[in-house]
Amino acid sequence: MATSQPKPNHAVELSLLLVLATLWASSYTFIKIGIDTIPPVTLIAARTLIAGGILVLIMRWRGIRLPRDGASCRNFAVQACLNSVMPFTLIAWAERSIDAGLAVILNSMTPVFTFLITWLWSQHEATSLRKLAGVVLGLAGTCIIVGSQAFAHVGQELTAQLAVVLATVCYAGAAIFGRTFKNLDPMAPAAGSLLSGAVILLPLSLIVDRPWTLAPSGASILALAGLAVFSTALAFAIYFRLIRTLGSVGATAQAYLRAPIGIAIGAYFLGESLSEAAWIGLLCILAGVAFMTVPERTRKAAVQAA
């Protein structure tokens, strides 16, 4: 079902970018709690099935039909592999041996890979010096927040760290491929790709994990519910909207916001303190997001009005 594309309100879109970053930042904690008693493949299979089902119900309530033609189904399957099956499972597996915070940090490289893939290969949108500056600022802010201590033992658990990096590359590819669905309501590719992911993962779960033999804890079940409802169903609907309004590079800029949001959550719930470096890094990250998402004409108008 094709939909018109109204002119985006960039204040609204940037607010949604912040919401998306918060939803996905919390997913790493949900995953860490969930995999304590639920194996990664089963956790992600349930995540995609529940989230996809929720979105389908909302689509029916809104009177939106999920495309079922062959081309759409193939595109949904490709998007599922890039945006859920591979990255979700890789991150869940990696978090069995590395901290959720490190996974967030490594995953914040998504805009870098998106920019590089766009620049070197797809060239589907402008890769200006302004966006390059945004990538550099965002990466610099992340490095300031992380500090050298976070990477002091980079040689340990190298396989898990590389798995998160590979997941990050998948996310970058998904952001670019997601433009295929620009004429659909954002919930359609979100629901279609998640259900496709469930179709792929459920048989693997039955074979590898034999879920009927598991005894998940209450905490893991609640984490799975939060992961599916908020960090997946709601987040995916916002994500596909932002791909249309901010572009693939702009939409992935939320990855840079995950690190400071994760630190803020830790400060509030765990009593962790924010250093001066963290605040400086946060300012760099916000500046980077602005460079990557605010249109050039808006910046020029602001300069002329000043």
C-alpha atoms as a PDB file:
ATOM      1  CA  MET A   1       0.000   0.000   0.000  1.00  0.00           C
ATOM      2  CA  ALA A   2       1.709   3.157  -1.203  1.00  0.00           C
ATOM      3  CA  THR A   3       1.611   6.292   0.872  1.00  0.00           C
ATOM      4  CA  SER A   4       2.456   9.894   0.091  1.00  0.00           C
ATOM      5  CA  GLN A   5       5.509  11.393   1.702  1.00  0.00           C
ATOM      6  CA  PRO A   6       4.681  14.658   3.505  1.00  0.00           C
ATOM      7  CA  LYS A   7       7.378  17.206   4.114  1.00  0.00           C
ATOM      8  CA  PRO A   8       9.055  16.173   7.380  1.00  0.00           C
ATOM      9  CA  ASN A   9       9.075  18.344  10.471  1.00  0.00           C
ATOM     10  CA  HIS A  10      12.736  18.065  11.463  1.00  0.00           C
ATOM     11  CA  ALA A  11      12.125  18.926  15.110  1.00  0.00           C
ATOM     12  CA  VAL A  12       9.743  15.958  15.291  1.00  0.00           C
ATOM     13  CA  GLU A  13      12.115  13.681  13.399  1.00  0.00           C
ATOM     14  CA  LEU A  14      15.066  14.542  15.653  1.00  0.00           C
ATOM     15  CA  SER A  15      12.875  13.880  18.689  1.00  0.00           C
ATOM     16  CA  LEU A  16      11.976  10.489  17.242  1.00  0.00           C
ATOM     17  CA  LEU A  17      15.677   9.872  16.641  1.00  0.00           C
ATOM     18  CA  LEU A  18      16.270  10.379  20.361  1.00  0.00           C
ATOM     19  CA  VAL A  19      13.376   8.054  21.241  1.00  0.00           C
ATOM     20  CA  LEU A  20      14.738   5.400  18.889  1.00  0.00           C
ATOM     21  CA  ALA A  21      18.202   5.678  20.395  1.00  0.00           C
ATOM     22  CA  THR A  22      16.732   5.229  23.887  1.00  0.00           C
ATOM     23  CA  LEU A  23      14.685   2.187  22.857  1.00  0.00           C
ATOM     24  CA  TRP A  24      17.655   0.514  21.208  1.00  0.00           C
ATOM     25  CA  ALA A  25      20.070   1.507  23.978  1.00  0.00           C
ATOM     26  CA  SER A  26      17.841  -0.349  26.453  1.00  0.00           C
ATOM     27  CA  SER A  27      17.798  -3.448  24.236  1.00  0.00           C
ATOM     28  CA  TYR A  28      21.355  -4.386  25.217  1.00  0.00           C
ATOM     29  CA  THR A  29      20.369  -4.548  28.881  1.00  0.00           C
ATOM     30  CA  PHE A  30      17.237  -6.540  28.020  1.00  0.00           C
ATOM     31  CA  ILE A  31      19.378  -8.962  26.019  1.00  0.00           C
ATOM     32  CA  LYS A  32      21.900  -9.335  28.841  1.00  0.00           C
ATOM     33  CA  ILE A  33      19.123 -10.246  31.268  1.00  0.00           C
ATOM     34  CA  GLY A  34      17.291 -12.423  28.776  1.00  0.00           C
ATOM     35  CA  ILE A  35      20.213 -14.634  27.750  1.00  0.00           C
ATOM     36  CA  ASP A  36      20.840 -15.523  31.380  1.00  0.00           C
ATOM     37  CA  THR A  37      18.267 -18.324  31.026  1.00  0.00           C
ATOM     38  CA  ILE A  38      17.142 -18.137  27.373  1.00  0.00           C
ATOM     39  CA  PRO A  39      19.643 -19.143  24.624  1.00  0.00           C
ATOM     40  CA  PRO A  40      20.380 -16.459  21.991  1.00  0.00           C
ATOM     41  CA  VAL A  41      18.634 -18.054  18.994  1.00  0.00           C
ATOM     42  CA  THR A  42      15.443 -18.749  20.950  1.00  0.00           C
ATOM     43  CA  LEU A  43      15.502 -15.287  22.537  1.00  0.00           C
ATOM     44  CA  ILE A  44      15.759 -13.590  19.145  1.00  0.00           C
ATOM     45  CA  ALA A  45      13.221 -15.917  17.519  1.00  0.00           C
ATOM     46  CA  ALA A  46      10.701 -15.019  20.224  1.00  0.00           C
ATOM     47  CA  ARG A  47      11.656 -11.350  19.970  1.00  0.00           C
ATOM     48  CA  THR A  48      10.964 -11.171  16.234  1.00  0.00           C
ATOM     49  CA  LEU A  49       7.770 -13.257  16.420  1.00  0.00           C
ATOM     50  CA  ILE A  50       6.209 -11.229  19.241  1.00  0.00           C
ATOM     51  CA  ALA A  51       7.214  -7.859  17.784  1.00  0.00           C
ATOM     52  CA  GLY A  52       6.096  -8.779  14.267  1.00  0.00           C
ATOM     53  CA  GLY A  53       2.758 -10.036  15.576  1.00  0.00           C
ATOM     54  CA  ILE A  54       2.158  -6.815  17.503  1.00  0.00           C
ATOM     55  CA  LEU A  55       2.830  -4.697  14.424  1.00  0.00           C
ATOM     56  CA  VAL A  56       0.522  -6.829  12.258  1.00  0.00           C
ATOM     57  CA  LEU A  57      -2.303  -6.350  14.762  1.00  0.00           C
ATOM     58  CA  ILE A  58      -1.735  -2.581  14.778  1.00  0.00           C
ATOM     59  CA  MET A  59      -1.682  -2.542  10.966  1.00  0.00           C
ATOM     60  CA  ARG A  60      -5.027  -4.355  10.846  1.00  0.00           C
ATOM     61  CA  TRP A  61      -6.476  -1.890  13.332  1.00  0.00           C
ATOM     62  CA  ARG A  62      -5.261   0.960  11.099  1.00  0.00           C
ATOM     63  CA  GLY A  63      -6.597  -0.735   7.964  1.00  0.00           C
ATOM     64  CA  ILE A  64      -3.151  -1.261   6.407  1.00  0.00           C
ATOM     65  CA  ARG A  65      -2.436  -4.459   4.504  1.00  0.00           C
ATOM     66  CA  LEU A  66       0.909  -6.215   4.509  1.00  0.00           C
ATOM     67  CA  PRO A  67       2.119  -6.744   0.913  1.00  0.00           C
ATOM     68  CA  ARG A  68       2.248 -10.435  -0.012  1.00  0.00           C
ATOM     69  CA  ASP A  69       3.565 -10.361  -3.565  1.00  0.00           C
ATOM     70  CA  GLY A  70       6.760 -12.256  -4.377  1.00  0.00           C
ATOM     71  CA  ALA A  71       8.983  -9.184  -4.708  1.00  0.00           C
ATOM     72  CA  SER A  72       7.865  -7.777  -1.355  1.00  0.00           C
ATOM     73  CA  CYS A  73       8.356 -11.103   0.400  1.00  0.00           C
ATOM     74  CA  ARG A  74      11.888 -11.383  -0.999  1.00  0.00           C
ATOM     75  CA  ASN A  75      12.675  -7.839   0.100  1.00  0.00           C
ATOM     76  CA  PHE A  76      11.283  -8.537   3.564  1.00  0.00           C
ATOM     77  CA  ALA A  77      13.503 -11.627   3.816  1.00  0.00           C
ATOM     78  CA  VAL A  78      16.624  -9.685   2.801  1.00  0.00           C
ATOM     79  CA  GLN A  79      15.801  -6.902   5.258  1.00  0.00           C
ATOM     80  CA  ALA A  80      15.194  -9.509   7.967  1.00  0.00           C
ATOM     81  CA  CYS A  81      18.637 -11.026   7.480  1.00  0.00           C
ATOM     82  CA  LEU A  82      20.324  -7.609   7.567  1.00  0.00           C
ATOM     83  CA  ASN A  83      18.304  -5.992  10.323  1.00  0.00           C
ATOM     84  CA  SER A  84      17.275  -8.764  12.709  1.00  0.00           C
ATOM     85  CA  VAL A  85      18.318 -12.365  12.034  1.00  0.00           C
ATOM     86  CA  MET A  86      22.056 -11.812  11.780  1.00  0.00           C
ATOM     87  CA  PRO A  87      22.702  -8.710  13.944  1.00  0.00           C
ATOM     88  CA  PHE A  88      20.250  -9.594  16.738  1.00  0.00           C
ATOM     89  CA  THR A  89      21.626 -13.108  17.041  1.00  0.00           C
ATOM     90  CA  LEU A  90      25.269 -12.040  16.800  1.00  0.00           C
ATOM     91  CA  ILE A  91      24.825  -9.430  19.536  1.00  0.00           C
ATOM     92  CA  ALA A  92      22.900 -11.809  21.803  1.00  0.00           C
ATOM     93  CA  TRP A  93      25.607 -14.451  21.362  1.00  0.00           C
ATOM     94  CA  ALA A  94      28.380 -11.901  21.948  1.00  0.00           C
ATOM     95  CA  GLU A  95      26.807 -10.605  25.159  1.00  0.00           C
ATOM     96  CA  ARG A  96      27.308 -14.004  26.748  1.00  0.00           C
ATOM     97  CA  SER A  97      30.973 -13.073  27.078  1.00  0.00           C
ATOM     98  CA  ILE A  98      31.212  -9.271  26.798  1.00  0.00           C
ATOM     99  CA  ASP A  99      29.484  -6.455  28.686  1.00  0.00           C
ATOM    100  CA  ALA A 100      26.339  -4.874  27.296  1.00  0.00           C
ATOM    101  CA  GLY A 101      28.098  -1.485  27.444  1.00  0.00           C
ATOM    102  CA  LEU A 102      30.895  -2.636  25.174  1.00  0.00           C
ATOM    103  CA  ALA A 103      28.330  -4.030  22.734  1.00  0.00           C
ATOM    104  CA  VAL A 104      26.604  -0.635  22.642  1.00  0.00           C
ATOM    105  CA  ILE A 105      29.909   1.118  22.043  1.00  0.00           C
ATOM    106  CA  LEU A 106      30.992  -1.162  19.204  1.00  0.00           C
ATOM    107  CA  ASN A 107      27.525  -0.904  17.662  1.00  0.00           C
ATOM    108  CA  SER A 108      27.768   2.890  17.623  1.00  0.00           C
ATOM    109  CA  MET A 109      29.967   2.521  14.544  1.00  0.00           C
ATOM    110  CA  THR A 110      26.849   1.955  12.388  1.00  0.00           C
ATOM    111  CA  PRO A 111      26.777   5.498  10.896  1.00  0.00           C
ATOM    112  CA  VAL A 112      30.445   5.152   9.918  1.00  0.00           C
ATOM    113  CA  PHE A 113      29.783   1.986   7.928  1.00  0.00           C
ATOM    114  CA  THR A 114      26.588   3.457   6.469  1.00  0.00           C
ATOM    115  CA  PHE A 115      28.472   6.537   5.308  1.00  0.00           C
ATOM    116  CA  LEU A 116      31.314   4.472   3.843  1.00  0.00           C
ATOM    117  CA  ILE A 117      28.981   2.039   2.026  1.00  0.00           C
ATOM    118  CA  THR A 118      26.983   4.968   0.668  1.00  0.00           C
ATOM    119  CA  TRP A 119      30.091   6.836  -0.419  1.00  0.00           C
ATOM    120  CA  LEU A 120      31.959   3.891  -1.942  1.00  0.00           C
ATOM    121  CA  TRP A 121      29.117   1.834  -3.373  1.00  0.00           C
ATOM    122  CA  SER A 122      25.422   2.738  -3.349  1.00  0.00           C
ATOM    123  CA  GLN A 123      25.741   6.542  -3.672  1.00  0.00           C
ATOM    124  CA  HIS A 124      21.963   6.768  -3.165  1.00  0.00           C
ATOM    125  CA  GLU A 125      22.182  10.021  -1.223  1.00  0.00           C
ATOM    126  CA  ALA A 126      24.618  12.891  -0.922  1.00  0.00           C
ATOM    127  CA  THR A 127      27.709  12.189   1.179  1.00  0.00           C
ATOM    128  CA  SER A 128      28.776  15.742   1.796  1.00  0.00           C
ATOM    129  CA  LEU A 129      31.667  17.032   3.849  1.00  0.00           C
ATOM    130  CA  ARG A 130      29.067  18.102   6.418  1.00  0.00           C
ATOM    131  CA  LYS A 131      27.956  14.483   6.896  1.00  0.00           C
ATOM    132  CA  LEU A 132      31.577  13.368   7.003  1.00  0.00           C
ATOM    133  CA  ALA A 133      32.175  15.939   9.734  1.00  0.00           C
ATOM    134  CA  GLY A 134      29.170  14.541  11.581  1.00  0.00           C
ATOM    135  CA  VAL A 135      30.616  11.021  11.379  1.00  0.00           C
ATOM    136  CA  VAL A 136      33.968  12.240  12.709  1.00  0.00           C
ATOM    137  CA  LEU A 137      32.365  14.262  15.525  1.00  0.00           C
ATOM    138  CA  GLY A 138      30.142  11.401  16.572  1.00  0.00           C
ATOM    139  CA  LEU A 139      32.985   8.904  16.571  1.00  0.00           C
ATOM    140  CA  ALA A 140      35.192  11.338  18.501  1.00  0.00           C
ATOM    141  CA  GLY A 141      32.465  11.834  21.104  1.00  0.00           C
ATOM    142  CA  THR A 142      32.053   8.086  21.505  1.00  0.00           C
ATOM    143  CA  CYS A 143      35.797   7.670  21.960  1.00  0.00           C
ATOM    144  CA  ILE A 144      35.865  10.440  24.586  1.00  0.00           C
ATOM    145  CA  ILE A 145      33.075   8.772  26.547  1.00  0.00           C
ATOM    146  CA  VAL A 146      34.559   5.318  26.296  1.00  0.00           C
ATOM    147  CA  GLY A 147      38.113   6.340  27.095  1.00  0.00           C
ATOM    148  CA  SER A 148      41.182   4.201  26.684  1.00  0.00           C
ATOM    149  CA  GLN A 149      40.237   1.892  29.562  1.00  0.00           C
ATOM    150  CA  ALA A 150      37.324   0.373  27.667  1.00  0.00           C
ATOM    151  CA  PHE A 151      39.662  -0.922  24.994  1.00  0.00           C
ATOM    152  CA  ALA A 152      42.571  -1.819  27.253  1.00  0.00           C
ATOM    153  CA  HIS A 153      41.743  -5.514  26.885  1.00  0.00           C
ATOM    154  CA  VAL A 154      40.599  -5.462  23.271  1.00  0.00           C
ATOM    155  CA  GLY A 155      42.451  -8.711  22.602  1.00  0.00           C
ATOM    156  CA  GLN A 156      40.258 -10.607  25.043  1.00  0.00           C
ATOM    157  CA  GLU A 157      36.977 -12.044  23.778  1.00  0.00           C
ATOM    158  CA  LEU A 158      38.013 -10.874  20.319  1.00  0.00           C
ATOM    159  CA  THR A 159      35.572 -13.204  18.554  1.00  0.00           C
ATOM    160  CA  ALA A 160      32.612 -11.749  20.440  1.00  0.00           C
ATOM    161  CA  GLN A 161      33.759  -8.201  19.716  1.00  0.00           C
ATOM    162  CA  LEU A 162      34.153  -8.983  16.017  1.00  0.00           C
ATOM    163  CA  ALA A 163      30.649 -10.488  16.046  1.00  0.00           C
ATOM    164  CA  VAL A 164      29.258  -7.147  17.247  1.00  0.00           C
ATOM    165  CA  VAL A 165      31.240  -5.307  14.565  1.00  0.00           C
ATOM    166  CA  LEU A 166      29.791  -7.662  11.932  1.00  0.00           C
ATOM    167  CA  ALA A 167      26.328  -6.951  13.330  1.00  0.00           C
ATOM    168  CA  THR A 168      27.095  -3.251  12.954  1.00  0.00           C
ATOM    169  CA  VAL A 169      27.947  -3.721   9.273  1.00  0.00           C
ATOM    170  CA  CYS A 170      24.636  -5.586   8.859  1.00  0.00           C
ATOM    171  CA  TYR A 171      22.763  -2.661  10.398  1.00  0.00           C
ATOM    172  CA  ALA A 172      24.463  -0.288   7.967  1.00  0.00           C
ATOM    173  CA  GLY A 173      23.433  -2.456   5.027  1.00  0.00           C
ATOM    174  CA  ALA A 174      19.892  -2.662   6.407  1.00  0.00           C
ATOM    175  CA  ALA A 175      19.625   1.125   6.632  1.00  0.00           C
ATOM    176  CA  ILE A 176      20.561   1.430   2.973  1.00  0.00           C
ATOM    177  CA  PHE A 177      18.409  -1.476   1.768  1.00  0.00           C
ATOM    178  CA  GLY A 178      15.525  -0.093   3.814  1.00  0.00           C
ATOM    179  CA  ARG A 179      15.064   2.596   1.185  1.00  0.00           C
ATOM    180  CA  THR A 180      13.469  -0.136  -0.932  1.00  0.00           C
ATOM    181  CA  PHE A 181      10.339   0.315   1.172  1.00  0.00           C
ATOM    182  CA  LYS A 182      10.098   4.102   0.883  1.00  0.00           C
ATOM    183  CA  ASN A 183       6.623   3.935  -0.713  1.00  0.00           C
ATOM    184  CA  LEU A 184       5.157   1.769   2.061  1.00  0.00           C
ATOM    185  CA  ASP A 185       3.761   2.736   5.421  1.00  0.00           C
ATOM    186  CA  PRO A 186       6.704   2.375   7.876  1.00  0.00           C
ATOM    187  CA  MET A 187       4.925  -0.409   9.769  1.00  0.00           C
ATOM    188  CA  ALA A 188       4.750  -2.638   6.685  1.00  0.00           C
ATOM    189  CA  PRO A 189       8.499  -3.284   6.248  1.00  0.00           C
ATOM    190  CA  ALA A 190       8.906  -3.393  10.034  1.00  0.00           C
ATOM    191  CA  ALA A 191       6.256  -6.105  10.423  1.00  0.00           C
ATOM    192  CA  GLY A 192       7.190  -7.934   7.229  1.00  0.00           C
ATOM    193  CA  SER A 193      10.887  -8.130   8.031  1.00  0.00           C
ATOM    194  CA  LEU A 194      10.299  -9.187  11.638  1.00  0.00           C
ATOM    195  CA  LEU A 195       7.894 -11.961  10.663  1.00  0.00           C
ATOM    196  CA  SER A 196      10.352 -13.098   7.987  1.00  0.00           C
ATOM    197  CA  GLY A 197      13.043 -13.179  10.653  1.00  0.00           C
ATOM    198  CA  ALA A 198      10.813 -15.301  12.880  1.00  0.00           C
ATOM    199  CA  VAL A 199      10.205 -17.746  10.024  1.00  0.00           C
ATOM    200  CA  ILE A 200      13.966 -18.113   9.603  1.00  0.00           C
ATOM    201  CA  LEU A 201      14.850 -18.347  13.301  1.00  0.00           C
ATOM    202  CA  LEU A 202      12.042 -20.495  14.732  1.00  0.00           C
ATOM    203  CA  PRO A 203      13.155 -23.721  13.000  1.00  0.00           C
ATOM    204  CA  LEU A 204      16.733 -23.065  14.137  1.00  0.00           C
ATOM    205  CA  SER A 205      15.498 -22.547  17.683  1.00  0.00           C
ATOM    206  CA  LEU A 206      13.604 -25.851  17.636  1.00  0.00           C
ATOM    207  CA  ILE A 207      16.658 -27.710  16.343  1.00  0.00           C
ATOM    208  CA  VAL A 208      19.441 -26.016  18.324  1.00  0.00           C
ATOM    209  CA  ASP A 209      17.853 -25.042  21.646  1.00  0.00           C
ATOM    210  CA  ARG A 210      14.822 -27.347  22.018  1.00  0.00           C
ATOM    211  CA  PRO A 211      12.914 -24.550  23.803  1.00  0.00           C
ATOM    212  CA  TRP A 212      10.415 -26.966  25.412  1.00  0.00           C
ATOM    213  CA  THR A 213      13.274 -28.122  27.660  1.00  0.00           C
ATOM    214  CA  LEU A 214      14.122 -24.607  28.895  1.00  0.00           C
ATOM    215  CA  ALA A 215      13.138 -23.104  32.249  1.00  0.00           C
ATOM    216  CA  PRO A 216      13.469 -19.320  31.782  1.00  0.00           C
ATOM    217  CA  SER A 217      13.437 -17.110  34.853  1.00  0.00           C
ATOM    218  CA  GLY A 218      10.833 -14.439  35.466  1.00  0.00           C
ATOM    219  CA  ALA A 219      13.445 -11.742  34.893  1.00  0.00           C
ATOM    220  CA  SER A 220      14.391 -13.199  31.506  1.00  0.00           C
ATOM    221  CA  ILE A 221      10.732 -13.403  30.447  1.00  0.00           C
ATOM    222  CA  LEU A 222      10.129  -9.773  31.438  1.00  0.00           C
ATOM    223  CA  ALA A 223      13.303  -8.759  29.600  1.00  0.00           C
ATOM    224  CA  LEU A 224      12.070 -10.590  26.498  1.00  0.00           C
ATOM    225  CA  ALA A 225       8.722  -8.764  26.723  1.00  0.00           C
ATOM    226  CA  GLY A 226      10.422  -5.367  26.995  1.00  0.00           C
ATOM    227  CA  LEU A 227      12.806  -6.286  24.193  1.00  0.00           C
ATOM    228  CA  ALA A 228       9.990  -7.340  21.851  1.00  0.00           C
ATOM    229  CA  VAL A 229       7.408  -4.651  22.591  1.00  0.00           C
ATOM    230  CA  PHE A 230       9.507  -1.529  23.099  1.00  0.00           C
ATOM    231  CA  SER A 231      13.001  -2.149  21.693  1.00  0.00           C
ATOM    232  CA  THR A 232      11.708  -3.943  18.590  1.00  0.00           C
ATOM    233  CA  ALA A 233       8.052  -3.357  17.621  1.00  0.00           C
ATOM    234  CA  LEU A 234       7.928   0.328  18.543  1.00  0.00           C
ATOM    235  CA  ALA A 235      11.559   0.946  17.579  1.00  0.00           C
ATOM    236  CA  PHE A 236      11.211  -0.616  14.104  1.00  0.00           C
ATOM    237  CA  ALA A 237       8.132   1.457  13.287  1.00  0.00           C
ATOM    238  CA  ILE A 238      10.077   4.626  14.172  1.00  0.00           C
ATOM    239  CA  TYR A 239      13.198   3.405  12.355  1.00  0.00           C
ATOM    240  CA  PHE A 240      11.530   2.902   8.966  1.00  0.00           C
ATOM    241  CA  ARG A 241       9.862   6.298   9.262  1.00  0.00           C
ATOM    242  CA  LEU A 242      13.242   7.943   9.875  1.00  0.00           C
ATOM    243  CA  ILE A 243      14.806   6.218   6.867  1.00  0.00           C
ATOM    244  CA  ARG A 244      12.213   7.987   4.738  1.00  0.00           C
ATOM    245  CA  THR A 245      12.529  11.378   6.432  1.00  0.00           C
ATOM    246  CA  LEU A 246      16.206  11.618   7.425  1.00  0.00           C
ATOM    247  CA  GLY A 247      17.802   9.170   4.983  1.00  0.00           C
ATOM    248  CA  SER A 248      19.806   6.051   5.806  1.00  0.00           C
ATOM    249  CA  VAL A 249      22.863   7.951   7.070  1.00  0.00           C
ATOM    250  CA  GLY A 250      20.721  10.241   9.211  1.00  0.00           C
ATOM    251  CA  ALA A 251      18.625   7.390  10.604  1.00  0.00           C
ATOM    252  CA  THR A 252      21.689   5.469  11.743  1.00  0.00           C
ATOM    253  CA  ALA A 253      22.986   8.566  13.545  1.00  0.00           C
ATOM    254  CA  GLN A 254      20.954   7.373  16.538  1.00  0.00           C
ATOM    255  CA  ALA A 255      23.699   4.791  17.098  1.00  0.00           C
ATOM    256  CA  TYR A 256      25.931   7.550  18.445  1.00  0.00           C
ATOM    257  CA  LEU A 257      23.291   8.511  20.995  1.00  0.00           C
ATOM    258  CA  ARG A 258      23.199   5.035  22.522  1.00  0.00           C
ATOM    259  CA  ALA A 259      26.478   5.439  24.435  1.00  0.00           C
ATOM    260  CA  PRO A 260      25.546   8.607  26.379  1.00  0.00           C
ATOM    261  CA  ILE A 261      22.009   7.302  26.964  1.00  0.00           C
ATOM    262  CA  GLY A 262      23.461   4.077  28.330  1.00  0.00           C
ATOM    263  CA  ILE A 263      25.671   6.081  30.673  1.00  0.00           C
ATOM    264  CA  ALA A 264      22.684   8.146  31.824  1.00  0.00           C
ATOM    265  CA  ILE A 265      20.658   5.001  32.522  1.00  0.00           C
ATOM    266  CA  GLY A 266      23.562   3.608  34.521  1.00  0.00           C
ATOM    267  CA  ALA A 267      23.843   6.834  36.517  1.00  0.00           C
ATOM    268  CA  TYR A 268      20.141   6.859  37.360  1.00  0.00           C
ATOM    269  CA  PHE A 269      19.506   3.181  38.079  1.00  0.00           C
ATOM    270  CA  LEU A 270      22.949   1.964  39.175  1.00  0.00           C
ATOM    271  CA  GLY A 271      24.344   5.061  40.890  1.00  0.00           C
ATOM    272  CA  GLU A 272      27.167   5.497  38.370  1.00  0.00           C
ATOM    273  CA  SER A 273      28.614   8.989  38.028  1.00  0.00           C
ATOM    274  CA  LEU A 274      29.108  10.975  34.836  1.00  0.00           C
ATOM    275  CA  SER A 275      32.581  12.374  34.306  1.00  0.00           C
ATOM    276  CA  GLU A 276      33.442  15.650  32.599  1.00  0.00           C
ATOM    277  CA  ALA A 277      34.709  13.611  29.653  1.00  0.00           C
ATOM    278  CA  ALA A 278      31.272  12.012  29.319  1.00  0.00           C
ATOM    279  CA  TRP A 279      29.563  15.399  29.077  1.00  0.00           C
ATOM    280  CA  ILE A 280      32.119  16.641  26.535  1.00  0.00           C
ATOM    281  CA  GLY A 281      31.639  13.477  24.527  1.00  0.00           C
ATOM    282  CA  LEU A 282      27.878  13.884  24.659  1.00  0.00           C
ATOM    283  CA  LEU A 283      28.144  17.407  23.218  1.00  0.00           C
ATOM    284  CA  CYS A 284      30.329  16.096  20.392  1.00  0.00           C
ATOM    285  CA  ILE A 285      27.845  13.348  19.660  1.00  0.00           C
ATOM    286  CA  LEU A 286      24.873  15.701  19.572  1.00  0.00           C
ATOM    287  CA  ALA A 287      26.812  18.018  17.271  1.00  0.00           C
ATOM    288  CA  GLY A 288      27.625  15.073  15.024  1.00  0.00           C
ATOM    289  CA  VAL A 289      23.976  14.019  14.881  1.00  0.00           C
ATOM    290  CA  ALA A 290      22.970  17.568  13.963  1.00  0.00           C
ATOM    291  CA  PHE A 291      25.536  17.692  11.145  1.00  0.00           C
ATOM    292  CA  MET A 292      24.291  14.353   9.789  1.00  0.00           C
ATOM    293  CA  THR A 293      20.547  15.052  10.018  1.00  0.00           C
ATOM    294  CA  VAL A 294      19.721  18.781   9.814  1.00  0.00           C
ATOM    295  CA  PRO A 295      19.269  19.777   6.149  1.00  0.00           C
ATOM    296  CA  GLU A 296      21.786  22.149   4.605  1.00  0.00           C
ATOM    297  CA  ARG A 297      19.084  24.667   3.736  1.00  0.00           C
ATOM    298  CA  THR A 298      17.951  24.778   7.379  1.00  0.00           C
ATOM    299  CA  ARG A 299      21.466  25.573   8.560  1.00  0.00           C
ATOM    300  CA  LYS A 300      21.851  28.295   5.890  1.00  0.00           C
ATOM    301  CA  ALA A 301      18.529  29.852   6.878  1.00  0.00           C
ATOM    302  CA  ALA A 302      19.600  29.882  10.513  1.00  0.00           C
ATOM    303  CA  VAL A 303      22.853  31.625   9.615  1.00  0.00           C
ATOM    304  CA  GLN A 304      21.046  34.233   7.532  1.00  0.00           C
ATOM    305  CA  ALA A 305      18.530  34.871  10.306  1.00  0.00           C
ATOM    306  CA  ALA A 306      21.263  35.350  12.939  1.00  0.00           C
END
